[in-house]
Structure formats: structure tokens, C-alpha cells
Amino acid sequence: MLGALSAGRLLLPSGTPESGGPHRTGPPGPPTVGAGSRPGAGRPTAAGARDGYRLRPMAGETSRSGPGASPPHPDVAFTLSAGRREVFLTFDDGPHPRHTPEILRILHRHGARATFFVLGENAVAFPGLLQIIADEGHAVGNHTWSHPQLTTLSPGAVRSELGRTSSLIEDVLGSAPDLARAPYGAWDDPSLSICNDLGMSPVGWAVDSQDWTTPGAASIADTVLDEVRPGAIVLSHDGGGERAQTVRALEWYLPRLLDDGFRPLRIEP
């Protein structure tokens, strides 16, 4: 049996409610404006500025596996036990030189913590972002080196994908990651055994924000707010493509989660 996960603890600024009712009552107000946001912006829209930097597209994150697409493996965490209204925001496929800092600024502004599952091929290009993620109090997890479906690889290739990324994270941060997420959520017994051998607990998700389909920021935000529940692990992306919609959606729904008494925490093993 693989190691169990437990929720970490984050103290939010005084005045943060510990519980709340329905997440929306009446017309929504404008999102908080600050670093990484557009002054005067209202409800998020599908439009998003594009930059010249694009990672290899990772569209179809849940098309092959994950909750709703295949039976969940009993050793993978999809929700975490939570004593109160706690939620676990996660971001995959980074770090990205534009979107990761934007997401970090929003999380910092609201005193929230999250977990970033990074790709080795991106982390090796932007090791400074790994350090910033950790310095901001967030967890750094392993999302393989190059985003293959682990269940299609030989055991040796699985070990290389996970082990190489863990070694890079350890070199940068001083300690190896203790959390891992398989691309597409696709785990099987051999890959889980290797994950365990490398000292990591496997993490899935209970709420898919669907941001990988680029449906528009408003749709992403509504999906999270409609499906979130205490203890849920929420899947989003800070890399793998154009993520301006993800940034705008987070800017919209994070204050509302806090208003509803949710506490965004990093995942702890």
C-alpha cells in the first residue's frame, strides 16, 4: 500500500471565514485587481493575450484516464480528508515563464497555497521558478520529464521519467519531491510501484477545471465553483499551452472560494 496523504495547514489572514454557504448569491462582483490582472476587468472572458512562448500542447489531459474516464486506482488520492472547508488547488505542466509567475502572484495576494506538478523538461529550463514556487510556500510535485502516458512505457522508461525529474527537483530545492501525478492520471501497478520506490505518493484529482480545453475563463471558474467540495483536489494547468484563461479564472474564483470559507492548502504527504 502506498503512503497516505494528509492535508497540510495554512493560516489565512484574520477575518477569513471558516465556513460558508452556497458559493454564489446574487450577481457576481468584479474580481480583485492586482499584480497580473487587468485594471477595470470584470467577469473573465474567453479572450486572453498570447505570447510567443508555447510549450508542446498537452490537450486532452483526462482523455485517456482520470476520474470519469477510467476506474480510479485505490492507491491514488483524489480527495483528502479535511476537518473543515479545505481545498487543494493543483497546477500541472509548468513551470512556464509567464503563466506560473502570474498564478503565483494571485495566490500570494490571497494568502493561498497550492501544489505545482512540474515537468522536468520545463523545470530544467526555468529552475529559478522552482525555487520561487517553494519559497512562496507551495509544494512542488513530479509530473514526469516529458509527459508520456506511463502505462504505455516499460518499467525502465517509467523509472527514468520519474527519477530524472525527482533528481532535478532535488538538485534545485535540496530535497526530492514526495508527490507525483501521472500524465493523463494514468497509473497502473508497475508505475505505482516505481513511484513508491522513489518515495512519492500518487495524486489524482476530484475536480477537473477543464482548462485544457480552453473553454473560456468564465467557464473554467464556473466549473471549479460548481464542483468544489471540502477535501477536493482541483486540477488546473500553468503550462502545456496558452494558459491566460486559467490565470483569469483563478483571479475570479479564488476570492469566491475564500468568501465561502474554503481554505486553499498545499498537499502534504
C-alpha atoms as a PDB file:
ATOM      1  CA  MET A   1       0.000   0.000   0.000  1.00  0.00           C
ATOM      2  CA  LEU A   2       1.367   3.385  -0.921  1.00  0.00           C
ATOM      3  CA  GLY A   3       1.807   6.166   1.561  1.00  0.00           C
ATOM      4  CA  ALA A   4      -1.327   8.003   2.606  1.00  0.00           C
ATOM      5  CA  LEU A   5      -1.673  11.732   2.151  1.00  0.00           C
ATOM      6  CA  SER A   6      -2.733  14.199   4.770  1.00  0.00           C
ATOM      7  CA  ALA A   7      -3.718  17.836   4.450  1.00  0.00           C
ATOM      8  CA  GLY A   8      -1.158  20.487   5.301  1.00  0.00           C
ATOM      9  CA  ARG A   9      -2.121  23.551   7.296  1.00  0.00           C
ATOM     10  CA  LEU A  10      -2.166  27.167   6.195  1.00  0.00           C
ATOM     11  CA  LEU A  11      -3.094  30.131   8.362  1.00  0.00           C
ATOM     12  CA  LEU A  12      -5.015  32.686   6.334  1.00  0.00           C
ATOM     13  CA  PRO A  13      -5.218  36.352   7.315  1.00  0.00           C
ATOM     14  CA  SER A  14      -7.535  37.167  10.183  1.00  0.00           C
ATOM     15  CA  GLY A  15     -11.138  37.649   9.207  1.00  0.00           C
ATOM     16  CA  THR A  16     -11.184  34.754   6.731  1.00  0.00           C
ATOM     17  CA  PRO A  17     -14.422  32.825   7.310  1.00  0.00           C
ATOM     18  CA  GLU A  18     -14.121  29.209   8.330  1.00  0.00           C
ATOM     19  CA  SER A  19     -17.368  28.099   6.790  1.00  0.00           C
ATOM     20  CA  GLY A  20     -19.860  29.394   4.335  1.00  0.00           C
ATOM     21  CA  GLY A  21     -22.995  28.728   2.394  1.00  0.00           C
ATOM     22  CA  PRO A  22     -23.607  28.484  -1.340  1.00  0.00           C
ATOM     23  CA  HIS A  23     -20.761  29.912  -3.346  1.00  0.00           C
ATOM     24  CA  ARG A  24     -22.826  32.474  -5.255  1.00  0.00           C
ATOM     25  CA  THR A  25     -25.703  34.578  -4.042  1.00  0.00           C
ATOM     26  CA  GLY A  26     -26.868  37.340  -6.328  1.00  0.00           C
ATOM     27  CA  PRO A  27     -24.943  38.897  -9.181  1.00  0.00           C
ATOM     28  CA  PRO A  28     -21.183  38.335  -9.025  1.00  0.00           C
ATOM     29  CA  GLY A  29     -18.933  41.284  -8.337  1.00  0.00           C
ATOM     30  CA  PRO A  30     -15.724  42.140 -10.151  1.00  0.00           C
ATOM     31  CA  PRO A  31     -12.585  40.118  -9.452  1.00  0.00           C
ATOM     32  CA  THR A  32      -9.798  41.551  -7.354  1.00  0.00           C
ATOM     33  CA  VAL A  33      -7.426  43.726  -9.350  1.00  0.00           C
ATOM     34  CA  GLY A  34      -3.734  43.479  -8.628  1.00  0.00           C
ATOM     35  CA  ALA A  35      -0.476  42.179  -9.991  1.00  0.00           C
ATOM     36  CA  GLY A  36      -1.076  40.057 -13.047  1.00  0.00           C
ATOM     37  CA  SER A  37      -4.617  41.381 -13.595  1.00  0.00           C
ATOM     38  CA  ARG A  38      -6.033  43.977 -15.924  1.00  0.00           C
ATOM     39  CA  PRO A  39      -7.336  47.110 -14.159  1.00  0.00           C
ATOM     40  CA  GLY A  40     -11.008  47.599 -14.834  1.00  0.00           C
ATOM     41  CA  ALA A  41     -11.556  43.990 -15.853  1.00  0.00           C
ATOM     42  CA  GLY A  42     -14.848  42.420 -14.879  1.00  0.00           C
ATOM     43  CA  ARG A  43     -16.032  38.852 -15.242  1.00  0.00           C
ATOM     44  CA  PRO A  44     -13.404  36.761 -17.060  1.00  0.00           C
ATOM     45  CA  THR A  45     -13.835  36.277 -20.779  1.00  0.00           C
ATOM     46  CA  ALA A  46     -12.642  33.683 -23.251  1.00  0.00           C
ATOM     47  CA  ALA A  47     -10.180  36.100 -24.774  1.00  0.00           C
ATOM     48  CA  GLY A  48      -6.652  36.002 -23.456  1.00  0.00           C
ATOM     49  CA  ALA A  49      -3.413  37.609 -24.518  1.00  0.00           C
ATOM     50  CA  ARG A  50      -0.984  35.269 -26.218  1.00  0.00           C
ATOM     51  CA  ASP A  51       2.775  35.417 -26.040  1.00  0.00           C
ATOM     52  CA  GLY A  52       5.446  33.963 -28.252  1.00  0.00           C
ATOM     53  CA  TYR A  53       6.309  31.168 -25.827  1.00  0.00           C
ATOM     54  CA  ARG A  54       4.376  27.945 -26.288  1.00  0.00           C
ATOM     55  CA  LEU A  55       5.160  24.575 -24.812  1.00  0.00           C
ATOM     56  CA  ARG A  56       4.193  21.427 -26.616  1.00  0.00           C
ATOM     57  CA  PRO A  57       0.378  21.180 -26.346  1.00  0.00           C
ATOM     58  CA  MET A  58      -0.881  18.757 -23.705  1.00  0.00           C
ATOM     59  CA  ALA A  59      -4.565  18.959 -24.643  1.00  0.00           C
ATOM     60  CA  GLY A  60      -6.688  16.018 -23.567  1.00  0.00           C
ATOM     61  CA  GLU A  61      -5.361  15.765 -20.016  1.00  0.00           C
ATOM     62  CA  THR A  62      -8.217  13.483 -18.982  1.00  0.00           C
ATOM     63  CA  SER A  63      -8.980  11.952 -22.367  1.00  0.00           C
ATOM     64  CA  ARG A  64      -7.276   8.668 -21.600  1.00  0.00           C
ATOM     65  CA  SER A  65      -7.564   8.331 -17.863  1.00  0.00           C
ATOM     66  CA  GLY A  66      -8.561  10.016 -14.647  1.00  0.00           C
ATOM     67  CA  PRO A  67     -11.831  10.228 -12.714  1.00  0.00           C
ATOM     68  CA  GLY A  68     -14.774   9.778 -15.052  1.00  0.00           C
ATOM     69  CA  ALA A  69     -12.672   8.157 -17.786  1.00  0.00           C
ATOM     70  CA  SER A  70     -11.452   5.001 -16.054  1.00  0.00           C
ATOM     71  CA  PRO A  71     -11.879   3.354 -12.649  1.00  0.00           C
ATOM     72  CA  PRO A  72      -9.724   5.194 -10.077  1.00  0.00           C
ATOM     73  CA  HIS A  73      -6.859   3.209  -8.611  1.00  0.00           C
ATOM     74  CA  PRO A  74      -7.356   2.635  -4.867  1.00  0.00           C
ATOM     75  CA  ASP A  75      -3.808   3.778  -4.069  1.00  0.00           C
ATOM     76  CA  VAL A  76      -4.209   7.211  -5.709  1.00  0.00           C
ATOM     77  CA  ALA A  77      -5.519  10.193  -3.752  1.00  0.00           C
ATOM     78  CA  PHE A  78      -8.411  12.025  -5.438  1.00  0.00           C
ATOM     79  CA  THR A  79      -9.710  13.763  -2.333  1.00  0.00           C
ATOM     80  CA  LEU A  80      -8.107  14.385   1.037  1.00  0.00           C
ATOM     81  CA  SER A  81      -9.737  14.198   4.415  1.00  0.00           C
ATOM     82  CA  ALA A  82     -10.438  17.700   5.593  1.00  0.00           C
ATOM     83  CA  GLY A  83     -11.612  18.783   9.008  1.00  0.00           C
ATOM     84  CA  ARG A  84     -13.092  21.994   7.637  1.00  0.00           C
ATOM     85  CA  ARG A  85     -13.748  23.513   4.233  1.00  0.00           C
ATOM     86  CA  GLU A  86     -10.319  22.835   2.814  1.00  0.00           C
ATOM     87  CA  VAL A  87      -9.494  22.559  -0.889  1.00  0.00           C
ATOM     88  CA  PHE A  88      -6.314  21.644  -2.744  1.00  0.00           C
ATOM     89  CA  LEU A  89      -5.520  23.609  -5.898  1.00  0.00           C
ATOM     90  CA  THR A  90      -3.007  21.958  -8.223  1.00  0.00           C
ATOM     91  CA  PHE A  91      -1.296  23.152 -11.403  1.00  0.00           C
ATOM     92  CA  ASP A  92       0.320  20.851 -13.966  1.00  0.00           C
ATOM     93  CA  ASP A  93       2.798  21.026 -16.875  1.00  0.00           C
ATOM     94  CA  GLY A  94       4.851  24.025 -15.759  1.00  0.00           C
ATOM     95  CA  PRO A  95       6.834  25.903 -14.915  1.00  0.00           C
ATOM     96  CA  HIS A  96       6.022  28.455 -17.580  1.00  0.00           C
ATOM     97  CA  PRO A  97       7.947  31.751 -17.658  1.00  0.00           C
ATOM     98  CA  ARG A  98       4.800  33.863 -17.971  1.00  0.00           C
ATOM     99  CA  HIS A  99       1.845  31.966 -16.543  1.00  0.00           C
ATOM    100  CA  THR A 100       3.494  30.442 -13.470  1.00  0.00           C
ATOM    101  CA  PRO A 101       4.533  33.859 -12.054  1.00  0.00           C
ATOM    102  CA  GLU A 102       1.048  35.220 -12.789  1.00  0.00           C
ATOM    103  CA  ILE A 103      -0.552  32.366 -10.855  1.00  0.00           C
ATOM    104  CA  LEU A 104       1.940  32.773  -8.020  1.00  0.00           C
ATOM    105  CA  ARG A 105       1.088  36.468  -7.712  1.00  0.00           C
ATOM    106  CA  ILE A 106      -2.632  35.710  -7.420  1.00  0.00           C
ATOM    107  CA  LEU A 107      -2.051  33.008  -4.816  1.00  0.00           C
ATOM    108  CA  HIS A 108       0.255  35.318  -2.850  1.00  0.00           C
ATOM    109  CA  ARG A 109      -2.257  38.160  -2.922  1.00  0.00           C
ATOM    110  CA  HIS A 110      -4.894  35.948  -1.297  1.00  0.00           C
ATOM    111  CA  GLY A 111      -2.637  34.062   1.124  1.00  0.00           C
ATOM    112  CA  ALA A 112      -3.407  30.740  -0.594  1.00  0.00           C
ATOM    113  CA  ARG A 113      -1.166  27.709  -1.014  1.00  0.00           C
ATOM    114  CA  ALA A 114      -1.165  25.241  -3.900  1.00  0.00           C
ATOM    115  CA  THR A 115       0.737  22.295  -5.383  1.00  0.00           C
ATOM    116  CA  PHE A 116       2.633  22.507  -8.679  1.00  0.00           C
ATOM    117  CA  PHE A 117       3.291  19.263 -10.570  1.00  0.00           C
ATOM    118  CA  VAL A 118       6.182  20.160 -12.829  1.00  0.00           C
ATOM    119  CA  LEU A 119       7.620  18.626 -15.979  1.00  0.00           C
ATOM    120  CA  GLY A 120      11.342  18.017 -15.883  1.00  0.00           C
ATOM    121  CA  GLU A 121      11.890  19.333 -19.400  1.00  0.00           C
ATOM    122  CA  ASN A 122      10.357  22.661 -18.369  1.00  0.00           C
ATOM    123  CA  ALA A 123      11.891  22.783 -14.900  1.00  0.00           C
ATOM    124  CA  VAL A 124      15.391  22.336 -16.325  1.00  0.00           C
ATOM    125  CA  ALA A 125      14.796  25.415 -18.483  1.00  0.00           C
ATOM    126  CA  PHE A 126      13.433  27.528 -15.604  1.00  0.00           C
ATOM    127  CA  PRO A 127      14.977  26.236 -12.358  1.00  0.00           C
ATOM    128  CA  GLY A 128      14.589  29.651 -10.748  1.00  0.00           C
ATOM    129  CA  LEU A 129      10.820  29.281 -10.936  1.00  0.00           C
ATOM    130  CA  LEU A 130      11.029  26.039  -8.937  1.00  0.00           C
ATOM    131  CA  GLN A 131      12.807  27.922  -6.192  1.00  0.00           C
ATOM    132  CA  ILE A 132      10.247  30.724  -6.252  1.00  0.00           C
ATOM    133  CA  ILE A 133       7.370  28.212  -6.027  1.00  0.00           C
ATOM    134  CA  ALA A 134       8.977  26.622  -2.974  1.00  0.00           C
ATOM    135  CA  ASP A 135       9.936  29.947  -1.409  1.00  0.00           C
ATOM    136  CA  GLU A 136       6.304  31.069  -1.669  1.00  0.00           C
ATOM    137  CA  GLY A 137       5.272  28.081   0.444  1.00  0.00           C
ATOM    138  CA  HIS A 138       3.831  25.892  -2.282  1.00  0.00           C
ATOM    139  CA  ALA A 139       4.531  22.201  -2.848  1.00  0.00           C
ATOM    140  CA  VAL A 140       6.493  21.009  -5.889  1.00  0.00           C
ATOM    141  CA  GLY A 141       5.478  17.612  -7.262  1.00  0.00           C
ATOM    142  CA  ASN A 142       6.727  15.335 -10.039  1.00  0.00           C
ATOM    143  CA  HIS A 143       4.763  15.208 -13.320  1.00  0.00           C
ATOM    144  CA  THR A 144       7.410  13.169 -15.223  1.00  0.00           C
ATOM    145  CA  TRP A 145      10.100  14.527 -17.521  1.00  0.00           C
ATOM    146  CA  SER A 146       8.315  14.707 -20.885  1.00  0.00           C
ATOM    147  CA  HIS A 147       4.604  13.955 -20.229  1.00  0.00           C
ATOM    148  CA  PRO A 148       4.244  10.418 -21.634  1.00  0.00           C
ATOM    149  CA  GLN A 149       1.446   8.070 -20.643  1.00  0.00           C
ATOM    150  CA  LEU A 150       3.227   5.912 -18.071  1.00  0.00           C
ATOM    151  CA  THR A 151       1.037   2.870 -18.658  1.00  0.00           C
ATOM    152  CA  THR A 152       2.435   2.578 -22.209  1.00  0.00           C
ATOM    153  CA  LEU A 153       6.089   2.574 -21.105  1.00  0.00           C
ATOM    154  CA  SER A 154       8.453  -0.140 -19.948  1.00  0.00           C
ATOM    155  CA  PRO A 155       9.315  -0.129 -16.240  1.00  0.00           C
ATOM    156  CA  GLY A 156      12.759   1.213 -17.061  1.00  0.00           C
ATOM    157  CA  ALA A 157      11.310   4.129 -19.016  1.00  0.00           C
ATOM    158  CA  VAL A 158       8.847   4.903 -16.215  1.00  0.00           C
ATOM    159  CA  ARG A 159      11.676   4.964 -13.708  1.00  0.00           C
ATOM    160  CA  SER A 160      13.667   7.283 -15.973  1.00  0.00           C
ATOM    161  CA  GLU A 161      10.744   9.703 -16.452  1.00  0.00           C
ATOM    162  CA  LEU A 162      10.031   9.941 -12.726  1.00  0.00           C
ATOM    163  CA  GLY A 163      13.549   9.505 -11.401  1.00  0.00           C
ATOM    164  CA  ARG A 164      15.152  12.075 -13.672  1.00  0.00           C
ATOM    165  CA  THR A 165      12.586  14.683 -12.648  1.00  0.00           C
ATOM    166  CA  SER A 166      12.948  13.885  -8.962  1.00  0.00           C
ATOM    167  CA  SER A 167      16.727  14.241  -9.250  1.00  0.00           C
ATOM    168  CA  LEU A 168      16.389  17.641 -10.911  1.00  0.00           C
ATOM    169  CA  ILE A 169      13.975  18.893  -8.242  1.00  0.00           C
ATOM    170  CA  GLU A 170      16.333  17.643  -5.524  1.00  0.00           C
ATOM    171  CA  ASP A 171      19.289  19.394  -7.159  1.00  0.00           C
ATOM    172  CA  VAL A 172      17.382  22.702  -7.270  1.00  0.00           C
ATOM    173  CA  LEU A 173      15.472  22.599  -3.987  1.00  0.00           C
ATOM    174  CA  GLY A 174      17.688  20.386  -1.850  1.00  0.00           C
ATOM    175  CA  SER A 175      15.109  17.642  -1.376  1.00  0.00           C
ATOM    176  CA  ALA A 176      13.358  15.240  -3.706  1.00  0.00           C
ATOM    177  CA  PRO A 177       9.591  15.559  -4.241  1.00  0.00           C
ATOM    178  CA  ASP A 178       7.268  13.334  -2.244  1.00  0.00           C
ATOM    179  CA  LEU A 179       4.252  13.771  -4.544  1.00  0.00           C
ATOM    180  CA  ALA A 180       3.723  12.616  -8.125  1.00  0.00           C
ATOM    181  CA  ARG A 181       0.967  12.916 -10.705  1.00  0.00           C
ATOM    182  CA  ALA A 182       0.912  10.737 -13.793  1.00  0.00           C
ATOM    183  CA  PRO A 183       0.174  12.451 -17.117  1.00  0.00           C
ATOM    184  CA  TYR A 184      -3.483  11.882 -18.011  1.00  0.00           C
ATOM    185  CA  GLY A 185      -3.917  10.476 -14.495  1.00  0.00           C
ATOM    186  CA  ALA A 186      -2.892   7.098 -15.926  1.00  0.00           C
ATOM    187  CA  TRP A 187      -1.403   4.865 -13.240  1.00  0.00           C
ATOM    188  CA  ASP A 188      -1.056   1.096 -13.182  1.00  0.00           C
ATOM    189  CA  ASP A 189       0.503  -1.265 -10.653  1.00  0.00           C
ATOM    190  CA  PRO A 190       4.036  -1.209 -12.158  1.00  0.00           C
ATOM    191  CA  SER A 191       4.177   2.600 -12.385  1.00  0.00           C
ATOM    192  CA  LEU A 192       2.740   2.966  -8.885  1.00  0.00           C
ATOM    193  CA  SER A 193       5.360   0.573  -7.550  1.00  0.00           C
ATOM    194  CA  ILE A 194       8.122   2.660  -9.104  1.00  0.00           C
ATOM    195  CA  CYS A 195       6.523   5.831  -7.747  1.00  0.00           C
ATOM    196  CA  ASN A 196       6.565   4.276  -4.288  1.00  0.00           C
ATOM    197  CA  ASP A 197      10.172   3.119  -4.700  1.00  0.00           C
ATOM    198  CA  LEU A 198      11.138   6.720  -5.424  1.00  0.00           C
ATOM    199  CA  GLY A 199       9.469   7.876  -2.194  1.00  0.00           C
ATOM    200  CA  MET A 200       6.449   9.584  -3.716  1.00  0.00           C
ATOM    201  CA  SER A 201       2.711   9.367  -3.085  1.00  0.00           C
ATOM    202  CA  PRO A 202       0.496   9.377  -6.212  1.00  0.00           C
ATOM    203  CA  VAL A 203      -2.039  12.180  -6.585  1.00  0.00           C
ATOM    204  CA  GLY A 204      -5.079  12.388  -8.852  1.00  0.00           C
ATOM    205  CA  TRP A 205      -7.893  14.929  -8.840  1.00  0.00           C
ATOM    206  CA  ALA A 206     -11.575  15.147  -7.954  1.00  0.00           C
ATOM    207  CA  VAL A 207     -12.393  18.364  -9.845  1.00  0.00           C
ATOM    208  CA  ASP A 208     -11.178  18.819 -13.423  1.00  0.00           C
ATOM    209  CA  SER A 209     -11.324  22.538 -14.226  1.00  0.00           C
ATOM    210  CA  GLN A 210     -11.345  21.619 -17.924  1.00  0.00           C
ATOM    211  CA  ASP A 211      -8.909  24.462 -18.572  1.00  0.00           C
ATOM    212  CA  TRP A 212      -7.014  22.229 -21.005  1.00  0.00           C
ATOM    213  CA  THR A 213      -9.993  22.516 -23.359  1.00  0.00           C
ATOM    214  CA  THR A 214      -9.638  26.352 -23.308  1.00  0.00           C
ATOM    215  CA  PRO A 215     -13.417  26.872 -22.887  1.00  0.00           C
ATOM    216  CA  GLY A 216     -13.017  30.464 -21.660  1.00  0.00           C
ATOM    217  CA  ALA A 217     -12.085  31.791 -18.236  1.00  0.00           C
ATOM    218  CA  ALA A 218     -15.698  32.150 -17.118  1.00  0.00           C
ATOM    219  CA  SER A 219     -16.402  28.500 -17.916  1.00  0.00           C
ATOM    220  CA  ILE A 220     -13.285  27.347 -16.039  1.00  0.00           C
ATOM    221  CA  ALA A 221     -14.245  29.402 -12.991  1.00  0.00           C
ATOM    222  CA  ASP A 222     -17.833  28.162 -13.035  1.00  0.00           C
ATOM    223  CA  THR A 223     -16.662  24.540 -13.267  1.00  0.00           C
ATOM    224  CA  VAL A 224     -14.478  24.913 -10.184  1.00  0.00           C
ATOM    225  CA  LEU A 225     -17.128  26.757  -8.164  1.00  0.00           C
ATOM    226  CA  ASP A 226     -19.874  24.318  -9.159  1.00  0.00           C
ATOM    227  CA  GLU A 227     -17.905  21.147  -8.399  1.00  0.00           C
ATOM    228  CA  VAL A 228     -15.671  22.068  -5.478  1.00  0.00           C
ATOM    229  CA  ARG A 229     -16.332  20.419  -2.125  1.00  0.00           C
ATOM    230  CA  PRO A 230     -14.330  20.039   1.097  1.00  0.00           C
ATOM    231  CA  GLY A 231     -11.224  17.936   0.584  1.00  0.00           C
ATOM    232  CA  ALA A 232     -11.330  18.080  -3.225  1.00  0.00           C
ATOM    233  CA  ILE A 233      -8.154  18.167  -5.287  1.00  0.00           C
ATOM    234  CA  VAL A 234      -8.646  20.582  -8.201  1.00  0.00           C
ATOM    235  CA  LEU A 235      -6.799  20.096 -11.499  1.00  0.00           C
ATOM    236  CA  SER A 236      -5.591  23.128 -13.490  1.00  0.00           C
ATOM    237  CA  HIS A 237      -2.530  23.902 -15.610  1.00  0.00           C
ATOM    238  CA  ASP A 238       0.147  26.575 -15.571  1.00  0.00           C
ATOM    239  CA  GLY A 239       1.963  25.134 -18.601  1.00  0.00           C
ATOM    240  CA  GLY A 240       1.440  22.896 -21.595  1.00  0.00           C
ATOM    241  CA  GLY A 241      -0.034  25.642 -23.751  1.00  0.00           C
ATOM    242  CA  GLU A 242      -1.622  29.073 -23.584  1.00  0.00           C
ATOM    243  CA  ARG A 243      -2.953  29.442 -20.024  1.00  0.00           C
ATOM    244  CA  ALA A 244      -4.198  33.042 -19.926  1.00  0.00           C
ATOM    245  CA  GLN A 245      -7.723  31.662 -19.391  1.00  0.00           C
ATOM    246  CA  THR A 246      -6.524  29.681 -16.380  1.00  0.00           C
ATOM    247  CA  VAL A 247      -4.953  32.804 -14.886  1.00  0.00           C
ATOM    248  CA  ARG A 248      -8.095  34.877 -15.392  1.00  0.00           C
ATOM    249  CA  ALA A 249     -10.281  32.101 -13.996  1.00  0.00           C
ATOM    250  CA  LEU A 250      -8.153  31.797 -10.858  1.00  0.00           C
ATOM    251  CA  GLU A 251      -8.359  35.555 -10.406  1.00  0.00           C
ATOM    252  CA  TRP A 252     -12.143  35.156 -10.463  1.00  0.00           C
ATOM    253  CA  TYR A 253     -12.829  32.036  -8.408  1.00  0.00           C
ATOM    254  CA  LEU A 254     -10.136  32.144  -5.716  1.00  0.00           C
ATOM    255  CA  PRO A 255     -11.631  35.132  -3.830  1.00  0.00           C
ATOM    256  CA  ARG A 256     -15.030  33.450  -4.003  1.00  0.00           C
ATOM    257  CA  LEU A 257     -13.681  30.216  -2.573  1.00  0.00           C
ATOM    258  CA  LEU A 258     -12.251  32.226   0.314  1.00  0.00           C
ATOM    259  CA  ASP A 259     -15.511  34.105   0.777  1.00  0.00           C
ATOM    260  CA  ASP A 260     -17.291  30.758   1.001  1.00  0.00           C
ATOM    261  CA  GLY A 261     -14.951  29.650   3.788  1.00  0.00           C
ATOM    262  CA  PHE A 262     -12.694  27.383   1.744  1.00  0.00           C
ATOM    263  CA  ARG A 263      -9.017  27.259   2.737  1.00  0.00           C
ATOM    264  CA  PRO A 264      -6.682  26.518  -0.205  1.00  0.00           C
ATOM    265  CA  LEU A 265      -3.845  24.351   1.094  1.00  0.00           C
ATOM    266  CA  ARG A 266      -0.829  22.623  -0.382  1.00  0.00           C
ATOM    267  CA  ILE A 267      -0.879  18.832  -0.435  1.00  0.00           C
ATOM    268  CA  GLU A 268       1.293  17.205   2.204  1.00  0.00           C
ATOM    269  CA  PRO A 269       2.305  13.504   2.212  1.00  0.00           C
END
